[in-house]
Amino acid sequence: MQPNYTKQLAEIADALHRAPQQPDYSRQLDGILAALNRHSPPQWVYLVLGALLTLLVQFLVRYIEGHRKRWKMRKIIYSEIARMFASAQVVQGTRPDGVSLAQHWKWQADEISKALTFDAEGYWKKEVDTFIDLRERYYIEAVYRRFHRILDDQGSFNVNLGLALRVTSEYFTDGSLYRRWVKRCLRPQGISMLNKMSEIDRDTKHRQADSGA
């Protein structure tokens, strides 16, 4: 004989009937969608926003690329200036033992000619568009002119060597050339010598000012 579940099924059906029903929000959602469709911006607004976003992206790309090129150029230029400065210091402050004055001058000229290759100058002349964006380009050119005169005017070798060191030191210390790049490219010994030269220049200027007064 099959069991009879009629009573139990009736109770379950009655309980489901009495259970609270989930609210129906379909009409409200349809109303919200209709309102959004009625108040959506016109097509030209999307076109303008898209054009502005495109311009912004292009500007950021150009800015980042320009910054990268300037960073690379400064790294090349400042590294070479620091190397020329350090080499000139060594040549000026060194005299081999047992050589005459004429031999010493010849040794100095030979050593400085090896050190002054001006590779960075050739690089920036090829990348003129980037070089003219450097704030300190006039001071860079002035430093290179001074170092060129060491080789171009051998008759005043020591004078031109001293002037090249003095001008470079002055630009390093007064901020005409970026200090952070100077510190990055110069070795500690070079920075120490740079500070000493800066102190000597300040003392000389003070004495000249006092004598003029």
N, C-alpha and C. Protein backbone atom coordinates (compact mmCIF):
# COMPACT_ATOMS: atom_id res chain seq x y z
N MET A 1 0.86 -1.20 0.00
CA MET A 1 0.00 0.00 0.00
C MET A 1 0.89 1.25 0.00
N GLN A 2 0.61 2.21 -0.95
CA GLN A 2 1.41 3.44 -1.05
C GLN A 2 1.06 4.40 0.08
N PRO A 3 2.07 5.03 0.70
CA PRO A 3 1.76 6.01 1.77
C PRO A 3 1.03 7.23 1.20
N ASN A 4 0.22 7.84 2.02
CA ASN A 4 -0.59 9.00 1.62
C ASN A 4 0.02 10.25 2.23
N TYR A 5 0.56 11.15 1.32
CA TYR A 5 1.21 12.40 1.78
C TYR A 5 0.32 13.63 1.52
N THR A 6 -0.94 13.40 1.33
CA THR A 6 -1.82 14.51 0.98
C THR A 6 -1.81 15.59 2.04
N LYS A 7 -1.89 15.16 3.30
CA LYS A 7 -1.96 16.13 4.40
C LYS A 7 -0.68 16.94 4.48
N GLN A 8 0.48 16.25 4.37
CA GLN A 8 1.74 16.96 4.46
C GLN A 8 1.91 17.97 3.32
N LEU A 9 1.53 17.55 2.09
CA LEU A 9 1.65 18.46 0.95
C LEU A 9 0.76 19.67 1.11
N ALA A 10 -0.39 19.47 1.69
CA ALA A 10 -1.31 20.60 1.92
C ALA A 10 -0.72 21.58 2.90
N GLU A 11 -0.05 21.08 3.94
CA GLU A 11 0.56 21.96 4.92
C GLU A 11 1.71 22.76 4.30
N ILE A 12 2.52 22.08 3.46
CA ILE A 12 3.64 22.80 2.80
C ILE A 12 3.11 23.89 1.88
N ALA A 13 2.07 23.58 1.13
CA ALA A 13 1.50 24.57 0.22
C ALA A 13 0.96 25.75 0.98
N ASP A 14 0.33 25.47 2.15
CA ASP A 14 -0.22 26.57 2.96
C ASP A 14 0.90 27.44 3.53
N ALA A 15 2.02 26.79 3.95
CA ALA A 15 3.14 27.57 4.49
C ALA A 15 3.78 28.45 3.41
N LEU A 16 3.91 27.91 2.20
CA LEU A 16 4.47 28.72 1.11
C LEU A 16 3.57 29.89 0.79
N HIS A 17 2.28 29.67 0.89
CA HIS A 17 1.34 30.75 0.59
C HIS A 17 1.44 31.87 1.61
N ARG A 18 1.69 31.48 2.90
CA ARG A 18 1.77 32.49 3.94
C ARG A 18 3.15 33.17 4.01
N ALA A 19 4.20 32.57 3.41
CA ALA A 19 5.55 33.13 3.46
C ALA A 19 5.59 34.49 2.77
N PRO A 20 6.40 35.44 3.34
CA PRO A 20 6.47 36.78 2.71
C PRO A 20 7.11 36.71 1.33
N GLN A 21 6.57 37.42 0.41
CA GLN A 21 7.07 37.45 -0.96
C GLN A 21 8.14 38.55 -1.12
N GLN A 22 9.17 38.31 -1.99
CA GLN A 22 10.18 39.33 -2.30
C GLN A 22 9.53 40.46 -3.08
N PRO A 23 9.86 41.71 -2.74
CA PRO A 23 9.24 42.83 -3.48
C PRO A 23 9.68 42.83 -4.93
N ASP A 24 8.83 43.28 -5.78
CA ASP A 24 9.09 43.34 -7.21
C ASP A 24 9.47 44.77 -7.59
N TYR A 25 10.77 44.94 -7.96
CA TYR A 25 11.25 46.28 -8.31
C TYR A 25 11.38 46.47 -9.82
N SER A 26 10.82 45.61 -10.58
CA SER A 26 11.01 45.69 -12.02
C SER A 26 10.47 46.99 -12.60
N ARG A 27 9.32 47.45 -12.10
CA ARG A 27 8.73 48.69 -12.63
C ARG A 27 9.64 49.88 -12.31
N GLN A 28 10.17 49.91 -11.04
CA GLN A 28 11.05 51.03 -10.67
C GLN A 28 12.33 51.03 -11.52
N LEU A 29 12.90 49.84 -11.76
CA LEU A 29 14.10 49.77 -12.57
C LEU A 29 13.84 50.23 -14.00
N ASP A 30 12.69 49.83 -14.52
CA ASP A 30 12.36 50.28 -15.87
C ASP A 30 12.25 51.80 -15.92
N GLY A 31 11.72 52.39 -14.86
CA GLY A 31 11.61 53.85 -14.81
C GLY A 31 12.95 54.54 -14.76
N ILE A 32 13.87 53.96 -13.96
CA ILE A 32 15.21 54.54 -13.87
C ILE A 32 15.93 54.49 -15.21
N LEU A 33 15.86 53.35 -15.89
CA LEU A 33 16.51 53.22 -17.20
C LEU A 33 15.93 54.20 -18.21
N ALA A 34 14.62 54.37 -18.15
CA ALA A 34 14.00 55.31 -19.08
C ALA A 34 14.46 56.73 -18.80
N ALA A 35 14.62 57.09 -17.51
CA ALA A 35 15.07 58.44 -17.15
C ALA A 35 16.51 58.67 -17.61
N LEU A 36 17.35 57.64 -17.41
CA LEU A 36 18.74 57.78 -17.87
C LEU A 36 18.82 57.97 -19.37
N ASN A 37 18.02 57.25 -20.09
CA ASN A 37 18.02 57.38 -21.55
C ASN A 37 17.54 58.75 -21.98
N ARG A 38 16.55 59.29 -21.25
CA ARG A 38 16.02 60.61 -21.61
C ARG A 38 17.04 61.71 -21.35
N HIS A 39 17.93 61.56 -20.29
CA HIS A 39 18.85 62.63 -19.88
C HIS A 39 20.29 62.33 -20.29
N SER A 40 20.59 61.40 -21.16
CA SER A 40 21.94 61.12 -21.61
C SER A 40 22.48 62.31 -22.42
N PRO A 41 23.80 62.62 -22.26
CA PRO A 41 24.37 63.77 -22.99
C PRO A 41 24.29 63.55 -24.49
N PRO A 42 24.25 64.63 -25.23
CA PRO A 42 24.23 64.48 -26.69
C PRO A 42 25.55 63.90 -27.21
N GLN A 43 25.53 63.43 -28.43
CA GLN A 43 26.68 62.74 -29.00
C GLN A 43 27.91 63.63 -29.08
N TRP A 44 27.73 64.95 -29.33
CA TRP A 44 28.88 65.82 -29.48
C TRP A 44 29.69 65.94 -28.20
N VAL A 45 29.03 65.74 -27.04
CA VAL A 45 29.76 65.80 -25.77
C VAL A 45 30.78 64.67 -25.70
N TYR A 46 30.36 63.48 -26.12
CA TYR A 46 31.27 62.34 -26.12
C TYR A 46 32.43 62.58 -27.09
N LEU A 47 32.13 63.20 -28.23
CA LEU A 47 33.18 63.48 -29.21
C LEU A 47 34.21 64.46 -28.65
N VAL A 48 33.73 65.52 -27.96
CA VAL A 48 34.64 66.51 -27.38
C VAL A 48 35.51 65.88 -26.29
N LEU A 49 34.87 65.09 -25.42
CA LEU A 49 35.62 64.44 -24.34
C LEU A 49 36.67 63.48 -24.92
N GLY A 50 36.31 62.76 -25.96
CA GLY A 50 37.27 61.85 -26.58
C GLY A 50 38.45 62.59 -27.19
N ALA A 51 38.18 63.75 -27.83
CA ALA A 51 39.26 64.54 -28.42
C ALA A 51 40.18 65.10 -27.35
N LEU A 52 39.59 65.59 -26.23
CA LEU A 52 40.41 66.13 -25.14
C LEU A 52 41.27 65.03 -24.51
N LEU A 53 40.70 63.86 -24.34
CA LEU A 53 41.48 62.76 -23.77
C LEU A 53 42.62 62.37 -24.69
N THR A 54 42.39 62.39 -25.99
CA THR A 54 43.44 62.06 -26.96
C THR A 54 44.58 63.09 -26.88
N LEU A 55 44.22 64.38 -26.79
CA LEU A 55 45.24 65.43 -26.69
C LEU A 55 46.04 65.28 -25.40
N LEU A 56 45.37 64.95 -24.30
CA LEU A 56 46.06 64.78 -23.03
C LEU A 56 47.06 63.62 -23.10
N VAL A 57 46.64 62.53 -23.69
CA VAL A 57 47.54 61.37 -23.81
C VAL A 57 48.74 61.72 -24.68
N GLN A 58 48.51 62.41 -25.80
CA GLN A 58 49.61 62.81 -26.67
C GLN A 58 50.58 63.74 -25.96
N PHE A 59 50.04 64.69 -25.17
CA PHE A 59 50.90 65.61 -24.41
C PHE A 59 51.77 64.85 -23.41
N LEU A 60 51.17 63.91 -22.70
CA LEU A 60 51.92 63.14 -21.70
C LEU A 60 53.01 62.30 -22.37
N VAL A 61 52.70 61.72 -23.52
CA VAL A 61 53.69 60.91 -24.24
C VAL A 61 54.87 61.78 -24.67
N ARG A 62 54.57 62.98 -25.23
CA ARG A 62 55.66 63.88 -25.66
C ARG A 62 56.49 64.36 -24.47
N TYR A 63 55.81 64.67 -23.36
CA TYR A 63 56.52 65.16 -22.18
C TYR A 63 57.46 64.09 -21.63
N ILE A 64 56.97 62.88 -21.52
CA ILE A 64 57.79 61.79 -20.99
C ILE A 64 58.97 61.50 -21.92
N GLU A 65 58.72 61.51 -23.22
CA GLU A 65 59.79 61.26 -24.18
C GLU A 65 60.83 62.37 -24.14
N GLY A 66 60.37 63.63 -24.05
CA GLY A 66 61.31 64.75 -23.94
C GLY A 66 62.13 64.68 -22.66
N HIS A 67 61.49 64.32 -21.57
CA HIS A 67 62.21 64.19 -20.29
C HIS A 67 63.27 63.10 -20.39
N ARG A 68 62.92 62.00 -21.02
CA ARG A 68 63.88 60.89 -21.17
C ARG A 68 65.09 61.33 -22.00
N LYS A 69 64.85 62.07 -23.09
CA LYS A 69 65.95 62.53 -23.95
C LYS A 69 66.84 63.53 -23.21
N ARG A 70 66.23 64.45 -22.46
CA ARG A 70 67.03 65.43 -21.71
C ARG A 70 67.87 64.75 -20.63
N TRP A 71 67.27 63.76 -19.97
CA TRP A 71 68.00 63.02 -18.93
C TRP A 71 69.21 62.32 -19.54
N LYS A 72 69.03 61.68 -20.68
CA LYS A 72 70.14 60.98 -21.34
C LYS A 72 71.23 61.96 -21.76
N MET A 73 70.83 63.11 -22.31
CA MET A 73 71.81 64.09 -22.77
C MET A 73 72.59 64.65 -21.59
N ARG A 74 71.91 64.98 -20.50
CA ARG A 74 72.62 65.51 -19.33
C ARG A 74 73.59 64.47 -18.77
N LYS A 75 73.20 63.23 -18.76
CA LYS A 75 74.09 62.19 -18.26
C LYS A 75 75.38 62.14 -19.08
N ILE A 76 75.25 62.24 -20.40
CA ILE A 76 76.43 62.19 -21.28
C ILE A 76 77.29 63.44 -21.09
N ILE A 77 76.65 64.62 -21.08
CA ILE A 77 77.41 65.88 -21.00
C ILE A 77 78.08 66.04 -19.65
N TYR A 78 77.33 65.86 -18.57
CA TYR A 78 77.90 66.07 -17.24
C TYR A 78 79.00 65.05 -16.93
N SER A 79 78.84 63.83 -17.44
CA SER A 79 79.90 62.83 -17.22
C SER A 79 81.20 63.28 -17.89
N GLU A 80 81.07 63.83 -19.10
CA GLU A 80 82.28 64.27 -19.80
C GLU A 80 82.88 65.51 -19.15
N ILE A 81 82.05 66.46 -18.75
CA ILE A 81 82.58 67.65 -18.08
C ILE A 81 83.30 67.26 -16.80
N ALA A 82 82.71 66.35 -16.03
CA ALA A 82 83.35 65.89 -14.79
C ALA A 82 84.69 65.21 -15.09
N ARG A 83 84.73 64.42 -16.15
CA ARG A 83 85.97 63.74 -16.52
C ARG A 83 87.03 64.74 -16.97
N MET A 84 86.64 65.74 -17.78
CA MET A 84 87.60 66.75 -18.22
C MET A 84 88.11 67.57 -17.05
N PHE A 85 87.21 67.92 -16.14
CA PHE A 85 87.57 68.70 -14.96
C PHE A 85 88.58 67.94 -14.10
N ALA A 86 88.29 66.64 -13.86
CA ALA A 86 89.20 65.84 -13.04
C ALA A 86 90.55 65.65 -13.73
N SER A 87 90.53 65.43 -15.04
CA SER A 87 91.78 65.24 -15.77
C SER A 87 92.62 66.51 -15.75
N ALA A 88 91.97 67.65 -15.93
CA ALA A 88 92.70 68.93 -15.91
C ALA A 88 93.31 69.18 -14.53
N GLN A 89 92.59 68.80 -13.47
CA GLN A 89 93.14 68.95 -12.12
C GLN A 89 94.41 68.13 -11.95
N VAL A 90 94.36 66.89 -12.44
CA VAL A 90 95.53 66.00 -12.30
C VAL A 90 96.70 66.56 -13.09
N VAL A 91 96.45 66.99 -14.32
CA VAL A 91 97.52 67.51 -15.16
C VAL A 91 98.12 68.77 -14.54
N GLN A 92 97.29 69.63 -14.01
CA GLN A 92 97.79 70.88 -13.42
C GLN A 92 98.60 70.61 -12.16
N GLY A 93 98.20 69.64 -11.38
CA GLY A 93 98.84 69.42 -10.08
C GLY A 93 99.93 68.38 -10.07
N THR A 94 100.29 67.83 -11.23
CA THR A 94 101.29 66.77 -11.27
C THR A 94 102.49 67.21 -12.10
N ARG A 95 103.67 66.89 -11.59
CA ARG A 95 104.89 67.13 -12.35
C ARG A 95 105.82 65.93 -12.17
N PRO A 96 106.07 65.20 -13.23
CA PRO A 96 106.96 64.03 -13.10
C PRO A 96 108.34 64.44 -12.59
N ASP A 97 108.95 63.54 -11.83
CA ASP A 97 110.27 63.82 -11.27
C ASP A 97 111.35 63.78 -12.36
N GLY A 98 112.33 64.63 -12.18
CA GLY A 98 113.51 64.59 -13.04
C GLY A 98 113.28 65.07 -14.45
N VAL A 99 112.33 65.94 -14.67
CA VAL A 99 112.09 66.47 -16.02
C VAL A 99 112.26 67.97 -16.00
N SER A 100 112.66 68.51 -17.12
CA SER A 100 112.82 69.96 -17.24
C SER A 100 111.44 70.62 -17.38
N LEU A 101 111.44 71.95 -17.30
CA LEU A 101 110.18 72.69 -17.43
C LEU A 101 109.57 72.48 -18.81
N ALA A 102 110.41 72.48 -19.83
CA ALA A 102 109.91 72.28 -21.19
C ALA A 102 109.32 70.88 -21.36
N GLN A 103 110.00 69.89 -20.78
CA GLN A 103 109.47 68.53 -20.84
C GLN A 103 108.17 68.40 -20.06
N HIS A 104 108.08 69.12 -18.97
CA HIS A 104 106.85 69.11 -18.17
C HIS A 104 105.68 69.68 -18.95
N TRP A 105 105.92 70.80 -19.63
CA TRP A 105 104.86 71.40 -20.43
C TRP A 105 104.42 70.47 -21.55
N LYS A 106 105.40 69.81 -22.17
CA LYS A 106 105.06 68.87 -23.24
C LYS A 106 104.24 67.71 -22.68
N TRP A 107 104.63 67.23 -21.50
CA TRP A 107 103.89 66.14 -20.86
C TRP A 107 102.45 66.58 -20.56
N GLN A 108 102.30 67.80 -20.07
CA GLN A 108 100.98 68.31 -19.76
C GLN A 108 100.11 68.38 -21.03
N ALA A 109 100.69 68.91 -22.11
CA ALA A 109 99.94 69.04 -23.36
C ALA A 109 99.53 67.67 -23.91
N ASP A 110 100.44 66.71 -23.81
CA ASP A 110 100.13 65.36 -24.31
C ASP A 110 99.00 64.73 -23.48
N GLU A 111 99.10 64.86 -22.17
CA GLU A 111 98.10 64.23 -21.30
C GLU A 111 96.72 64.87 -21.46
N ILE A 112 96.68 66.19 -21.55
CA ILE A 112 95.38 66.87 -21.65
C ILE A 112 94.74 66.63 -23.01
N SER A 113 95.56 66.48 -24.04
CA SER A 113 95.00 66.21 -25.37
C SER A 113 94.36 64.82 -25.43
N LYS A 114 94.89 63.89 -24.64
CA LYS A 114 94.28 62.56 -24.56
C LYS A 114 92.94 62.61 -23.82
N ALA A 115 92.86 63.47 -22.83
CA ALA A 115 91.66 63.51 -21.98
C ALA A 115 90.51 64.28 -22.62
N LEU A 116 90.84 65.30 -23.41
CA LEU A 116 89.79 66.16 -23.97
C LEU A 116 89.36 65.62 -25.34
N THR A 117 88.36 64.75 -25.33
CA THR A 117 87.88 64.14 -26.59
C THR A 117 86.64 64.85 -27.14
N PHE A 118 85.89 65.54 -26.28
CA PHE A 118 84.69 66.29 -26.68
C PHE A 118 83.65 65.41 -27.38
N ASP A 119 83.51 64.18 -26.90
CA ASP A 119 82.51 63.28 -27.49
C ASP A 119 81.08 63.79 -27.25
N ALA A 120 80.83 64.30 -26.06
CA ALA A 120 79.48 64.78 -25.74
C ALA A 120 79.10 65.97 -26.61
N GLU A 121 80.07 66.79 -26.95
CA GLU A 121 79.80 67.94 -27.82
C GLU A 121 79.31 67.47 -29.18
N GLY A 122 79.94 66.44 -29.71
CA GLY A 122 79.48 65.87 -30.98
C GLY A 122 78.07 65.31 -30.86
N TYR A 123 77.76 64.74 -29.70
CA TYR A 123 76.42 64.17 -29.49
C TYR A 123 75.35 65.26 -29.46
N TRP A 124 75.60 66.34 -28.70
CA TRP A 124 74.54 67.35 -28.60
C TRP A 124 74.37 68.12 -29.91
N LYS A 125 75.42 68.20 -30.72
CA LYS A 125 75.27 68.87 -32.01
C LYS A 125 74.41 68.06 -32.98
N LYS A 126 74.37 66.74 -32.76
CA LYS A 126 73.48 65.90 -33.56
C LYS A 126 72.04 65.95 -33.03
N GLU A 127 71.90 66.18 -31.73
CA GLU A 127 70.58 66.22 -31.09
C GLU A 127 70.26 67.65 -30.66
N VAL A 128 70.26 68.55 -31.62
CA VAL A 128 70.10 69.98 -31.31
C VAL A 128 68.74 70.27 -30.67
N ASP A 129 67.70 69.61 -31.14
CA ASP A 129 66.36 69.88 -30.61
C ASP A 129 66.28 69.58 -29.12
N THR A 130 66.97 68.58 -28.68
CA THR A 130 66.99 68.26 -27.25
C THR A 130 67.92 69.22 -26.50
N PHE A 131 69.06 69.54 -27.08
CA PHE A 131 70.03 70.40 -26.41
C PHE A 131 69.46 71.79 -26.12
N ILE A 132 68.70 72.34 -27.06
CA ILE A 132 68.17 73.69 -26.84
C ILE A 132 67.10 73.71 -25.76
N ASP A 133 66.61 72.54 -25.35
CA ASP A 133 65.66 72.47 -24.25
C ASP A 133 66.33 72.49 -22.89
N LEU A 134 67.66 72.38 -22.86
CA LEU A 134 68.37 72.40 -21.58
C LEU A 134 68.51 73.84 -21.09
N ARG A 135 68.08 74.06 -19.87
CA ARG A 135 68.14 75.41 -19.30
C ARG A 135 69.57 75.92 -19.22
N GLU A 136 70.52 75.03 -18.96
CA GLU A 136 71.90 75.42 -18.70
C GLU A 136 72.78 75.32 -19.93
N ARG A 137 72.21 75.29 -21.12
CA ARG A 137 73.00 75.04 -22.33
C ARG A 137 74.06 76.12 -22.57
N TYR A 138 73.77 77.37 -22.23
CA TYR A 138 74.75 78.43 -22.45
C TYR A 138 76.00 78.22 -21.59
N TYR A 139 75.81 77.75 -20.37
CA TYR A 139 76.95 77.51 -19.48
C TYR A 139 77.73 76.28 -19.93
N ILE A 140 77.03 75.29 -20.45
CA ILE A 140 77.71 74.11 -21.00
C ILE A 140 78.60 74.52 -22.16
N GLU A 141 78.07 75.35 -23.06
CA GLU A 141 78.86 75.81 -24.20
C GLU A 141 80.07 76.63 -23.73
N ALA A 142 79.88 77.44 -22.69
CA ALA A 142 80.99 78.25 -22.18
C ALA A 142 82.09 77.37 -21.62
N VAL A 143 81.72 76.32 -20.90
CA VAL A 143 82.71 75.38 -20.36
C VAL A 143 83.50 74.72 -21.48
N TYR A 144 82.79 74.27 -22.51
CA TYR A 144 83.48 73.59 -23.63
C TYR A 144 84.39 74.55 -24.38
N ARG A 145 83.99 75.81 -24.52
CA ARG A 145 84.87 76.78 -25.18
C ARG A 145 86.18 76.93 -24.41
N ARG A 146 86.09 76.96 -23.08
CA ARG A 146 87.28 77.10 -22.26
C ARG A 146 88.22 75.90 -22.42
N PHE A 147 87.65 74.71 -22.46
CA PHE A 147 88.49 73.53 -22.61
C PHE A 147 89.06 73.43 -24.03
N HIS A 148 88.31 73.92 -25.01
CA HIS A 148 88.86 73.94 -26.38
C HIS A 148 90.08 74.86 -26.47
N ARG A 149 90.04 75.96 -25.75
CA ARG A 149 91.16 76.92 -25.83
C ARG A 149 92.44 76.31 -25.27
N ILE A 150 92.36 75.35 -24.39
CA ILE A 150 93.56 74.70 -23.88
C ILE A 150 94.35 74.06 -25.03
N LEU A 151 93.61 73.44 -25.95
CA LEU A 151 94.26 72.78 -27.08
C LEU A 151 94.53 73.74 -28.23
N ASP A 152 93.65 74.72 -28.40
CA ASP A 152 93.77 75.62 -29.55
C ASP A 152 94.85 76.68 -29.36
N ASP A 153 95.12 77.05 -28.12
CA ASP A 153 96.09 78.10 -27.84
C ASP A 153 97.19 77.55 -26.94
N GLN A 154 98.09 76.78 -27.52
CA GLN A 154 99.15 76.13 -26.74
C GLN A 154 100.12 77.13 -26.13
N GLY A 155 100.20 78.32 -26.72
CA GLY A 155 101.11 79.32 -26.18
C GLY A 155 100.71 79.81 -24.80
N SER A 156 99.44 79.71 -24.49
CA SER A 156 98.94 80.11 -23.16
C SER A 156 98.34 78.90 -22.45
N PHE A 157 99.04 77.79 -22.55
CA PHE A 157 98.50 76.52 -22.06
C PHE A 157 98.07 76.60 -20.59
N ASN A 158 98.99 77.00 -19.73
CA ASN A 158 98.71 76.99 -18.29
C ASN A 158 97.63 78.01 -17.91
N VAL A 159 97.64 79.14 -18.60
CA VAL A 159 96.59 80.14 -18.33
C VAL A 159 95.23 79.60 -18.71
N ASN A 160 95.15 79.00 -19.90
CA ASN A 160 93.86 78.47 -20.34
C ASN A 160 93.42 77.27 -19.51
N LEU A 161 94.38 76.47 -19.06
CA LEU A 161 94.05 75.35 -18.19
C LEU A 161 93.46 75.84 -16.87
N GLY A 162 94.08 76.85 -16.29
CA GLY A 162 93.56 77.40 -15.04
C GLY A 162 92.20 78.05 -15.20
N LEU A 163 92.01 78.76 -16.32
CA LEU A 163 90.71 79.40 -16.57
C LEU A 163 89.60 78.35 -16.77
N ALA A 164 89.92 77.27 -17.46
CA ALA A 164 88.92 76.22 -17.67
C ALA A 164 88.48 75.63 -16.34
N LEU A 165 89.45 75.38 -15.47
CA LEU A 165 89.12 74.84 -14.14
C LEU A 165 88.31 75.84 -13.32
N ARG A 166 88.71 77.10 -13.39
CA ARG A 166 88.03 78.11 -12.58
C ARG A 166 86.60 78.33 -13.05
N VAL A 167 86.39 78.44 -14.36
CA VAL A 167 85.03 78.65 -14.89
C VAL A 167 84.14 77.47 -14.58
N THR A 168 84.67 76.25 -14.78
CA THR A 168 83.87 75.06 -14.49
C THR A 168 83.53 74.99 -13.01
N SER A 169 84.50 75.28 -12.16
CA SER A 169 84.25 75.27 -10.71
C SER A 169 83.18 76.29 -10.33
N GLU A 170 83.27 77.46 -10.93
CA GLU A 170 82.29 78.51 -10.61
C GLU A 170 80.88 78.09 -11.02
N TYR A 171 80.74 77.52 -12.20
CA TYR A 171 79.42 77.09 -12.67
C TYR A 171 78.88 75.91 -11.87
N PHE A 172 79.80 75.07 -11.41
CA PHE A 172 79.39 73.95 -10.56
C PHE A 172 78.82 74.44 -9.24
N THR A 173 79.49 75.42 -8.64
CA THR A 173 79.13 75.83 -7.28
C THR A 173 78.01 76.86 -7.22
N ASP A 174 77.84 77.69 -8.26
CA ASP A 174 76.80 78.71 -8.18
C ASP A 174 75.45 78.26 -8.74
N GLY A 175 75.38 77.00 -9.19
CA GLY A 175 74.10 76.47 -9.68
C GLY A 175 73.84 76.70 -11.14
N SER A 176 74.78 77.31 -11.85
CA SER A 176 74.59 77.48 -13.29
C SER A 176 74.48 76.12 -13.98
N LEU A 177 75.27 75.16 -13.49
CA LEU A 177 75.13 73.76 -13.88
C LEU A 177 74.46 73.03 -12.72
N TYR A 178 73.59 72.10 -13.03
CA TYR A 178 72.80 71.43 -11.99
C TYR A 178 73.69 70.73 -10.97
N ARG A 179 73.50 71.05 -9.69
CA ARG A 179 74.33 70.48 -8.63
C ARG A 179 74.13 68.97 -8.50
N ARG A 180 72.88 68.53 -8.65
CA ARG A 180 72.65 67.09 -8.47
C ARG A 180 73.37 66.26 -9.53
N TRP A 181 73.52 66.83 -10.73
CA TRP A 181 74.25 66.11 -11.78
C TRP A 181 75.75 66.19 -11.52
N VAL A 182 76.21 67.30 -10.98
CA VAL A 182 77.63 67.43 -10.64
C VAL A 182 78.00 66.38 -9.59
N LYS A 183 77.18 66.29 -8.53
CA LYS A 183 77.47 65.32 -7.47
C LYS A 183 77.36 63.89 -7.98
N ARG A 184 76.46 63.67 -8.92
CA ARG A 184 76.29 62.32 -9.45
C ARG A 184 77.50 61.89 -10.30
N CYS A 185 78.10 62.84 -11.01
CA CYS A 185 79.16 62.49 -11.96
C CYS A 185 80.56 62.66 -11.42
N LEU A 186 80.75 63.55 -10.43
CA LEU A 186 82.08 63.77 -9.88
C LEU A 186 82.35 62.78 -8.75
N ARG A 187 83.57 62.32 -8.69
CA ARG A 187 83.98 61.46 -7.59
C ARG A 187 84.20 62.31 -6.34
N PRO A 188 84.24 61.67 -5.16
CA PRO A 188 84.43 62.45 -3.91
C PRO A 188 85.67 63.33 -3.94
N GLN A 189 86.77 62.82 -4.54
CA GLN A 189 87.99 63.65 -4.61
C GLN A 189 87.75 64.89 -5.45
N GLY A 190 87.01 64.74 -6.54
CA GLY A 190 86.71 65.88 -7.39
C GLY A 190 85.84 66.90 -6.69
N ILE A 191 84.86 66.42 -5.92
CA ILE A 191 83.99 67.34 -5.17
C ILE A 191 84.79 68.08 -4.11
N SER A 192 85.71 67.36 -3.45
CA SER A 192 86.56 68.00 -2.45
C SER A 192 87.42 69.10 -3.07
N MET A 193 88.03 68.80 -4.22
CA MET A 193 88.84 69.81 -4.91
C MET A 193 87.97 70.97 -5.38
N LEU A 194 86.77 70.65 -5.81
CA LEU A 194 85.83 71.68 -6.26
C LEU A 194 85.52 72.65 -5.13
N ASN A 195 85.29 72.12 -3.94
CA ASN A 195 84.99 72.96 -2.78
C ASN A 195 86.19 73.84 -2.42
N LYS A 196 87.39 73.27 -2.52
CA LYS A 196 88.59 74.05 -2.22
C LYS A 196 88.76 75.20 -3.21
N MET A 197 88.55 74.90 -4.50
CA MET A 197 88.67 75.94 -5.51
C MET A 197 87.63 77.02 -5.30
N SER A 198 86.43 76.61 -4.90
CA SER A 198 85.37 77.58 -4.64
C SER A 198 85.73 78.50 -3.48
N GLU A 199 86.34 77.92 -2.43
CA GLU A 199 86.76 78.74 -1.29
C GLU A 199 87.86 79.71 -1.70
N ILE A 200 88.80 79.25 -2.52
CA ILE A 200 89.88 80.14 -2.98
C ILE A 200 89.31 81.29 -3.81
N ASP A 201 88.34 80.97 -4.70
CA ASP A 201 87.74 82.02 -5.52
C ASP A 201 87.00 83.05 -4.66
N ARG A 202 86.29 82.57 -3.63
CA ARG A 202 85.57 83.50 -2.75
C ARG A 202 86.55 84.40 -1.98
N ASP A 203 87.63 83.79 -1.49
CA ASP A 203 88.62 84.59 -0.77
C ASP A 203 89.26 85.64 -1.68
N THR A 204 89.55 85.24 -2.92
CA THR A 204 90.15 86.18 -3.88
C THR A 204 89.20 87.35 -4.16
N LYS A 205 87.92 87.04 -4.35
CA LYS A 205 86.96 88.09 -4.63
C LYS A 205 86.80 89.02 -3.43
N HIS A 206 86.84 88.46 -2.21
CA HIS A 206 86.73 89.31 -1.02
C HIS A 206 87.93 90.24 -0.88
N ARG A 207 89.13 89.71 -1.15
CA ARG A 207 90.32 90.54 -1.07
C ARG A 207 90.30 91.65 -2.12
N GLN A 208 89.82 91.30 -3.32
CA GLN A 208 89.73 92.32 -4.37
C GLN A 208 88.71 93.40 -3.99
N ALA A 209 87.60 92.96 -3.37
CA ALA A 209 86.58 93.93 -2.96
C ALA A 209 87.11 94.83 -1.85
N ASP A 210 87.86 94.24 -0.91
CA ASP A 210 88.42 95.03 0.19
C ASP A 210 89.47 96.02 -0.29
N SER A 211 90.30 95.57 -1.24
CA SER A 211 91.33 96.48 -1.78
C SER A 211 90.70 97.60 -2.59
N GLY A 212 89.58 97.28 -3.26
CA GLY A 212 88.90 98.32 -4.04
C GLY A 212 88.22 99.34 -3.18
N ALA A 213 87.76 98.87 -2.00
CA ALA A 213 87.13 99.80 -1.07
C ALA A 213 88.16 100.70 -0.44
